[in-house]
Amino acid sequence: MNTLFKPAPALVSLLVIDSIMFILLILCISVLPILLGTGFDLLIVGISITCVLGIIAVIVVWAGLYYKSMWYELRDDEISWKRGVWFRTTGIVPYNRITNLDIKQGPVMRVLGISTLAIQTAGYSGQAVPEIKIEGIVHAEELRELIRSLVRGCTTGNDGTGGVTPRTVVPAPGTTEQQILAELVKIRTLFEQLNRDR
């Protein structure tokens, strides 16, 4: 399989729009009261506008670089990803650990025609954020169904719900693993005898 893909280019627009909306919120809370209190001093207005334009320029450059750094790969038994400009993040999620696949789409994302596929895993389910977010996806429903089919078809006996049928692995005779296993069986037998004697 090994299908490498990137988010839709509309993700750059989403990142810029979301960041600008956040900046406007901060401006309304912090700078607007100062301007109202000083009677719209031209120096303060000029400094504020220059700072805002500088921040927006940095955000536009960062969004493009962030988009270029992102990729996802669907492999035979796992999903891998990489992203980040200043702080790079890579990860691997085996299909047999996936428990939830949620599609998220806010109002700006709806206008841009993209969604985010949030993937929760067995060890990450109690967290507020998913282990992996596949951002900027145009056909999120189809991607979710593809990943669900890969989860169901996982060779570890997964049933598609995150439940895994454990496989028994027997070490080869005469190996260190076999010796350790034999010792563990002896210890278990001793513990069982102690529990029965109580």
C-alpha atoms as a PDB file:
ATOM      1  CA  MET A   1       0.000   0.000   0.000  1.00  0.00           C
ATOM      2  CA  ASN A   2       2.360   2.791   1.253  1.00  0.00           C
ATOM      3  CA  THR A   3       0.202   5.693   0.074  1.00  0.00           C
ATOM      4  CA  LEU A   4       1.839   9.057   0.782  1.00  0.00           C
ATOM      5  CA  PHE A   5      -0.452  12.110   0.728  1.00  0.00           C
ATOM      6  CA  LYS A   6      -0.618  15.751   1.792  1.00  0.00           C
ATOM      7  CA  PRO A   7      -3.516  17.881   3.002  1.00  0.00           C
ATOM      8  CA  ALA A   8      -5.468  20.052   0.561  1.00  0.00           C
ATOM      9  CA  PRO A   9      -3.833  23.426  -0.199  1.00  0.00           C
ATOM     10  CA  ALA A  10      -6.912  25.088   1.362  1.00  0.00           C
ATOM     11  CA  LEU A  11      -5.341  24.216   4.729  1.00  0.00           C
ATOM     12  CA  VAL A  12      -2.950  27.173   4.283  1.00  0.00           C
ATOM     13  CA  SER A  13      -5.953  29.513   3.952  1.00  0.00           C
ATOM     14  CA  LEU A  14      -7.541  27.970   7.044  1.00  0.00           C
ATOM     15  CA  LEU A  15      -4.385  28.467   9.108  1.00  0.00           C
ATOM     16  CA  VAL A  16      -4.075  32.100   7.993  1.00  0.00           C
ATOM     17  CA  ILE A  17      -7.784  32.886   8.548  1.00  0.00           C
ATOM     18  CA  ASP A  18      -7.844  31.254  11.985  1.00  0.00           C
ATOM     19  CA  SER A  19      -4.685  33.094  13.026  1.00  0.00           C
ATOM     20  CA  ILE A  20      -5.979  36.456  11.804  1.00  0.00           C
ATOM     21  CA  MET A  21      -9.258  35.922  13.663  1.00  0.00           C
ATOM     22  CA  PHE A  22      -7.256  35.172  16.827  1.00  0.00           C
ATOM     23  CA  ILE A  23      -5.141  38.298  16.348  1.00  0.00           C
ATOM     24  CA  LEU A  24      -8.267  40.429  15.857  1.00  0.00           C
ATOM     25  CA  LEU A  25      -9.703  39.023  19.082  1.00  0.00           C
ATOM     26  CA  ILE A  26      -6.509  39.892  20.974  1.00  0.00           C
ATOM     27  CA  LEU A  27      -6.514  43.371  19.449  1.00  0.00           C
ATOM     28  CA  CYS A  28     -10.109  43.971  20.517  1.00  0.00           C
ATOM     29  CA  ILE A  29      -9.256  42.929  24.065  1.00  0.00           C
ATOM     30  CA  SER A  30      -5.890  44.657  24.477  1.00  0.00           C
ATOM     31  CA  VAL A  31      -5.207  47.420  21.929  1.00  0.00           C
ATOM     32  CA  LEU A  32      -8.704  48.794  21.348  1.00  0.00           C
ATOM     33  CA  PRO A  33      -9.158  49.875  25.002  1.00  0.00           C
ATOM     34  CA  ILE A  34      -5.764  51.633  24.856  1.00  0.00           C
ATOM     35  CA  LEU A  35      -6.771  53.448  21.673  1.00  0.00           C
ATOM     36  CA  LEU A  36     -10.101  54.458  23.160  1.00  0.00           C
ATOM     37  CA  GLY A  37      -8.353  55.702  26.304  1.00  0.00           C
ATOM     38  CA  THR A  38      -5.790  57.792  24.429  1.00  0.00           C
ATOM     39  CA  GLY A  39      -8.186  59.277  21.905  1.00  0.00           C
ATOM     40  CA  PHE A  40      -6.734  57.402  18.937  1.00  0.00           C
ATOM     41  CA  ASP A  41      -3.233  58.810  19.125  1.00  0.00           C
ATOM     42  CA  LEU A  42      -1.757  58.500  15.595  1.00  0.00           C
ATOM     43  CA  LEU A  43       1.546  57.150  16.922  1.00  0.00           C
ATOM     44  CA  ILE A  44      -0.167  54.298  18.783  1.00  0.00           C
ATOM     45  CA  VAL A  45      -2.426  53.583  15.788  1.00  0.00           C
ATOM     46  CA  GLY A  46       0.603  53.509  13.457  1.00  0.00           C
ATOM     47  CA  ILE A  47       2.597  51.217  15.737  1.00  0.00           C
ATOM     48  CA  SER A  48      -0.422  48.907  16.150  1.00  0.00           C
ATOM     49  CA  ILE A  49      -1.042  48.661  12.403  1.00  0.00           C
ATOM     50  CA  THR A  50       2.652  48.027  11.698  1.00  0.00           C
ATOM     51  CA  CYS A  51       2.805  45.293  14.332  1.00  0.00           C
ATOM     52  CA  VAL A  52      -0.370  43.640  13.038  1.00  0.00           C
ATOM     53  CA  LEU A  53       0.875  43.675   9.428  1.00  0.00           C
ATOM     54  CA  GLY A  54       4.222  42.231  10.542  1.00  0.00           C
ATOM     55  CA  ILE A  55       2.516  39.459  12.488  1.00  0.00           C
ATOM     56  CA  ILE A  56       0.226  38.650   9.543  1.00  0.00           C
ATOM     57  CA  ALA A  57       3.258  38.446   7.209  1.00  0.00           C
ATOM     58  CA  VAL A  58       4.972  36.003   9.592  1.00  0.00           C
ATOM     59  CA  ILE A  59       1.784  33.924   9.818  1.00  0.00           C
ATOM     60  CA  VAL A  60       1.427  33.723   6.023  1.00  0.00           C
ATOM     61  CA  VAL A  61       5.049  32.565   5.645  1.00  0.00           C
ATOM     62  CA  TRP A  62       4.712  30.112   8.551  1.00  0.00           C
ATOM     63  CA  ALA A  63       1.450  28.633   7.167  1.00  0.00           C
ATOM     64  CA  GLY A  64       3.115  27.926   3.818  1.00  0.00           C
ATOM     65  CA  LEU A  65       6.142  26.330   5.454  1.00  0.00           C
ATOM     66  CA  TYR A  66       3.928  24.294   7.798  1.00  0.00           C
ATOM     67  CA  TYR A  67       1.914  23.006   4.852  1.00  0.00           C
ATOM     68  CA  LYS A  68       5.078  22.016   2.972  1.00  0.00           C
ATOM     69  CA  SER A  69       6.346  20.104   6.018  1.00  0.00           C
ATOM     70  CA  MET A  70       3.189  17.992   6.381  1.00  0.00           C
ATOM     71  CA  TRP A  71       2.687  14.505   4.999  1.00  0.00           C
ATOM     72  CA  TYR A  72       0.772  11.396   5.946  1.00  0.00           C
ATOM     73  CA  GLU A  73       1.333   7.817   4.845  1.00  0.00           C
ATOM     74  CA  LEU A  74      -1.017   4.858   4.963  1.00  0.00           C
ATOM     75  CA  ARG A  75       1.113   1.733   5.184  1.00  0.00           C
ATOM     76  CA  ASP A  76       0.056  -1.897   5.295  1.00  0.00           C
ATOM     77  CA  ASP A  77      -0.139  -2.002   9.106  1.00  0.00           C
ATOM     78  CA  GLU A  78       0.165   1.622  10.320  1.00  0.00           C
ATOM     79  CA  ILE A  79      -0.298   5.312   9.661  1.00  0.00           C
ATOM     80  CA  SER A  80       2.725   7.576   9.855  1.00  0.00           C
ATOM     81  CA  TRP A  81       2.956  11.351   9.693  1.00  0.00           C
ATOM     82  CA  LYS A  82       5.324  14.272   9.897  1.00  0.00           C
ATOM     83  CA  ARG A  83       4.753  17.998  10.395  1.00  0.00           C
ATOM     84  CA  GLY A  84       6.274  21.098  11.893  1.00  0.00           C
ATOM     85  CA  VAL A  85       8.330  24.165  11.048  1.00  0.00           C
ATOM     86  CA  TRP A  86      10.138  25.067  14.259  1.00  0.00           C
ATOM     87  CA  PHE A  87       9.223  21.936  16.197  1.00  0.00           C
ATOM     88  CA  ARG A  88       9.004  18.823  14.041  1.00  0.00           C
ATOM     89  CA  THR A  89       6.653  16.039  15.034  1.00  0.00           C
ATOM     90  CA  THR A  90       6.617  12.554  13.582  1.00  0.00           C
ATOM     91  CA  GLY A  91       4.570   9.603  14.644  1.00  0.00           C
ATOM     92  CA  ILE A  92       3.320   6.143  13.846  1.00  0.00           C
ATOM     93  CA  VAL A  93      -0.047   4.685  14.786  1.00  0.00           C
ATOM     94  CA  PRO A  94      -0.580   0.950  14.200  1.00  0.00           C
ATOM     95  CA  TYR A  95      -4.045   0.128  12.872  1.00  0.00           C
ATOM     96  CA  ASN A  96      -4.617  -2.370  15.688  1.00  0.00           C
ATOM     97  CA  ARG A  97      -4.450   0.505  18.246  1.00  0.00           C
ATOM     98  CA  ILE A  98      -7.080   2.712  16.566  1.00  0.00           C
ATOM     99  CA  THR A  99     -10.344   2.992  18.499  1.00  0.00           C
ATOM    100  CA  ASN A 100     -12.131   6.097  17.138  1.00  0.00           C
ATOM    101  CA  LEU A 101     -12.174   7.943  13.821  1.00  0.00           C
ATOM    102  CA  ASP A 102     -13.949  11.316  14.102  1.00  0.00           C
ATOM    103  CA  ILE A 103     -14.479  13.915  11.395  1.00  0.00           C
ATOM    104  CA  LYS A 104     -14.402  17.549  12.536  1.00  0.00           C
ATOM    105  CA  GLN A 105     -15.375  20.559  10.450  1.00  0.00           C
ATOM    106  CA  GLY A 106     -15.786  24.121  11.670  1.00  0.00           C
ATOM    107  CA  PRO A 107     -17.530  26.956   9.806  1.00  0.00           C
ATOM    108  CA  VAL A 108     -14.379  28.192   8.035  1.00  0.00           C
ATOM    109  CA  MET A 109     -13.479  24.623   7.092  1.00  0.00           C
ATOM    110  CA  ARG A 110     -16.978  24.127   5.640  1.00  0.00           C
ATOM    111  CA  VAL A 111     -16.536  27.210   3.442  1.00  0.00           C
ATOM    112  CA  LEU A 112     -13.124  25.936   2.280  1.00  0.00           C
ATOM    113  CA  GLY A 113     -14.483  22.405   1.724  1.00  0.00           C
ATOM    114  CA  ILE A 114     -12.024  20.637   4.034  1.00  0.00           C
ATOM    115  CA  SER A 115     -12.239  18.581   7.228  1.00  0.00           C
ATOM    116  CA  THR A 116     -10.020  17.098   9.912  1.00  0.00           C
ATOM    117  CA  LEU A 117      -9.967  13.379  10.651  1.00  0.00           C
ATOM    118  CA  ALA A 118      -9.156  12.863  14.333  1.00  0.00           C
ATOM    119  CA  ILE A 119      -7.772   9.422  15.202  1.00  0.00           C
ATOM    120  CA  GLN A 120      -7.894   8.140  18.788  1.00  0.00           C
ATOM    121  CA  THR A 121      -5.944   5.104  19.913  1.00  0.00           C
ATOM    122  CA  ALA A 122      -6.329   2.660  22.770  1.00  0.00           C
ATOM    123  CA  GLY A 123      -3.696   4.302  24.942  1.00  0.00           C
ATOM    124  CA  TYR A 124      -4.765   7.851  24.088  1.00  0.00           C
ATOM    125  CA  SER A 125      -8.563   7.656  24.437  1.00  0.00           C
ATOM    126  CA  GLY A 126      -8.767   9.570  27.725  1.00  0.00           C
ATOM    127  CA  GLN A 127      -6.958  12.601  26.297  1.00  0.00           C
ATOM    128  CA  ALA A 128      -8.728  15.761  25.140  1.00  0.00           C
ATOM    129  CA  VAL A 129      -6.762  15.788  21.877  1.00  0.00           C
ATOM    130  CA  PRO A 130      -6.455  12.870  19.465  1.00  0.00           C
ATOM    131  CA  GLU A 131      -3.169  11.109  18.915  1.00  0.00           C
ATOM    132  CA  ILE A 132      -3.179  12.148  15.268  1.00  0.00           C
ATOM    133  CA  LYS A 133      -5.172  14.709  13.316  1.00  0.00           C
ATOM    134  CA  ILE A 134      -5.161  14.375   9.558  1.00  0.00           C
ATOM    135  CA  GLU A 135      -5.871  17.997   8.702  1.00  0.00           C
ATOM    136  CA  GLY A 136      -7.113  19.623   5.510  1.00  0.00           C
ATOM    137  CA  ILE A 137      -8.797  16.584   3.977  1.00  0.00           C
ATOM    138  CA  VAL A 138     -11.258  17.126   1.119  1.00  0.00           C
ATOM    139  CA  HIS A 139     -12.808  13.643   1.131  1.00  0.00           C
ATOM    140  CA  ALA A 140     -12.714  12.875   4.862  1.00  0.00           C
ATOM    141  CA  GLU A 141     -15.591  10.365   4.774  1.00  0.00           C
ATOM    142  CA  GLU A 142     -13.819   8.252   2.145  1.00  0.00           C
ATOM    143  CA  LEU A 143     -10.510   8.428   4.042  1.00  0.00           C
ATOM    144  CA  ARG A 144     -12.247   7.386   7.269  1.00  0.00           C
ATOM    145  CA  GLU A 145     -13.823   4.388   5.515  1.00  0.00           C
ATOM    146  CA  LEU A 146     -10.464   3.426   3.997  1.00  0.00           C
ATOM    147  CA  ILE A 147      -8.772   3.538   7.404  1.00  0.00           C
ATOM    148  CA  ARG A 148     -11.676   1.591   8.952  1.00  0.00           C
ATOM    149  CA  SER A 149     -11.236  -1.125   6.331  1.00  0.00           C
ATOM    150  CA  LEU A 150      -7.489  -1.209   7.056  1.00  0.00           C
ATOM    151  CA  VAL A 151      -8.225  -1.473  10.799  1.00  0.00           C
ATOM    152  CA  ARG A 152     -10.634  -4.357  10.164  1.00  0.00           C
ATOM    153  CA  GLY A 153      -8.198  -6.102   7.853  1.00  0.00           C
ATOM    154  CA  CYS A 154      -5.265  -5.775  10.220  1.00  0.00           C
ATOM    155  CA  THR A 155      -3.413  -9.074  10.559  1.00  0.00           C
ATOM    156  CA  THR A 156      -3.498  -8.992  14.361  1.00  0.00           C
ATOM    157  CA  GLY A 157      -7.108 -10.128  14.509  1.00  0.00           C
ATOM    158  CA  ASN A 158      -8.600  -6.679  14.938  1.00  0.00           C
ATOM    159  CA  ASP A 159     -12.369  -6.479  14.455  1.00  0.00           C
ATOM    160  CA  GLY A 160     -12.449  -2.786  13.483  1.00  0.00           C
ATOM    161  CA  THR A 161     -13.581  -1.556  16.887  1.00  0.00           C
ATOM    162  CA  GLY A 162     -10.179  -1.328  18.492  1.00  0.00           C
ATOM    163  CA  GLY A 163     -10.460  -4.773  20.106  1.00  0.00           C
ATOM    164  CA  VAL A 164      -7.502  -7.004  19.421  1.00  0.00           C
ATOM    165  CA  THR A 165      -7.458 -10.766  19.533  1.00  0.00           C
ATOM    166  CA  PRO A 166      -4.150 -11.597  21.211  1.00  0.00           C
ATOM    167  CA  ARG A 167      -1.809 -13.949  19.461  1.00  0.00           C
ATOM    168  CA  THR A 168       0.226 -16.470  21.420  1.00  0.00           C
ATOM    169  CA  VAL A 169       3.898 -16.384  20.600  1.00  0.00           C
ATOM    170  CA  VAL A 170       5.912 -19.426  21.610  1.00  0.00           C
ATOM    171  CA  PRO A 171       9.676 -18.900  21.688  1.00  0.00           C
ATOM    172  CA  ALA A 172      11.893 -21.342  19.827  1.00  0.00           C
ATOM    173  CA  PRO A 173      13.214 -24.199  21.995  1.00  0.00           C
ATOM    174  CA  GLY A 174      16.654 -23.709  23.539  1.00  0.00           C
ATOM    175  CA  THR A 175      16.665 -19.940  23.122  1.00  0.00           C
ATOM    176  CA  THR A 176      17.089 -17.400  25.885  1.00  0.00           C
ATOM    177  CA  GLU A 177      13.408 -16.544  25.565  1.00  0.00           C
ATOM    178  CA  GLN A 178      12.498 -20.198  26.138  1.00  0.00           C
ATOM    179  CA  GLN A 179      14.686 -20.306  29.248  1.00  0.00           C
ATOM    180  CA  ILE A 180      13.116 -17.112  30.587  1.00  0.00           C
ATOM    181  CA  LEU A 181       9.657 -18.504  29.877  1.00  0.00           C
ATOM    182  CA  ALA A 182      10.479 -21.738  31.723  1.00  0.00           C
ATOM    183  CA  GLU A 183      11.735 -19.730  34.708  1.00  0.00           C
ATOM    184  CA  LEU A 184       8.590 -17.579  34.719  1.00  0.00           C
ATOM    185  CA  VAL A 185       6.416 -20.704  34.658  1.00  0.00           C
ATOM    186  CA  LYS A 186       8.291 -22.007  37.723  1.00  0.00           C
ATOM    187  CA  ILE A 187       7.791 -18.697  39.532  1.00  0.00           C
ATOM    188  CA  ARG A 188       4.101 -18.702  38.668  1.00  0.00           C
ATOM    189  CA  THR A 189       3.733 -22.254  39.963  1.00  0.00           C
ATOM    190  CA  LEU A 190       5.395 -21.245  43.264  1.00  0.00           C
ATOM    191  CA  PHE A 191       3.056 -18.236  43.630  1.00  0.00           C
ATOM    192  CA  GLU A 192       0.018 -20.403  42.941  1.00  0.00           C
ATOM    193  CA  GLN A 193       1.181 -22.893  45.620  1.00  0.00           C
ATOM    194  CA  LEU A 194       1.664 -20.037  48.130  1.00  0.00           C
ATOM    195  CA  ASN A 195      -1.827 -18.707  47.419  1.00  0.00           C
ATOM    196  CA  ARG A 196      -3.372 -22.177  47.870  1.00  0.00           C
ATOM    197  CA  ASP A 197      -1.550 -22.715  51.183  1.00  0.00           C
ATOM    198  CA  ARG A 198      -3.041 -19.549  52.681  1.00  0.00           C
END
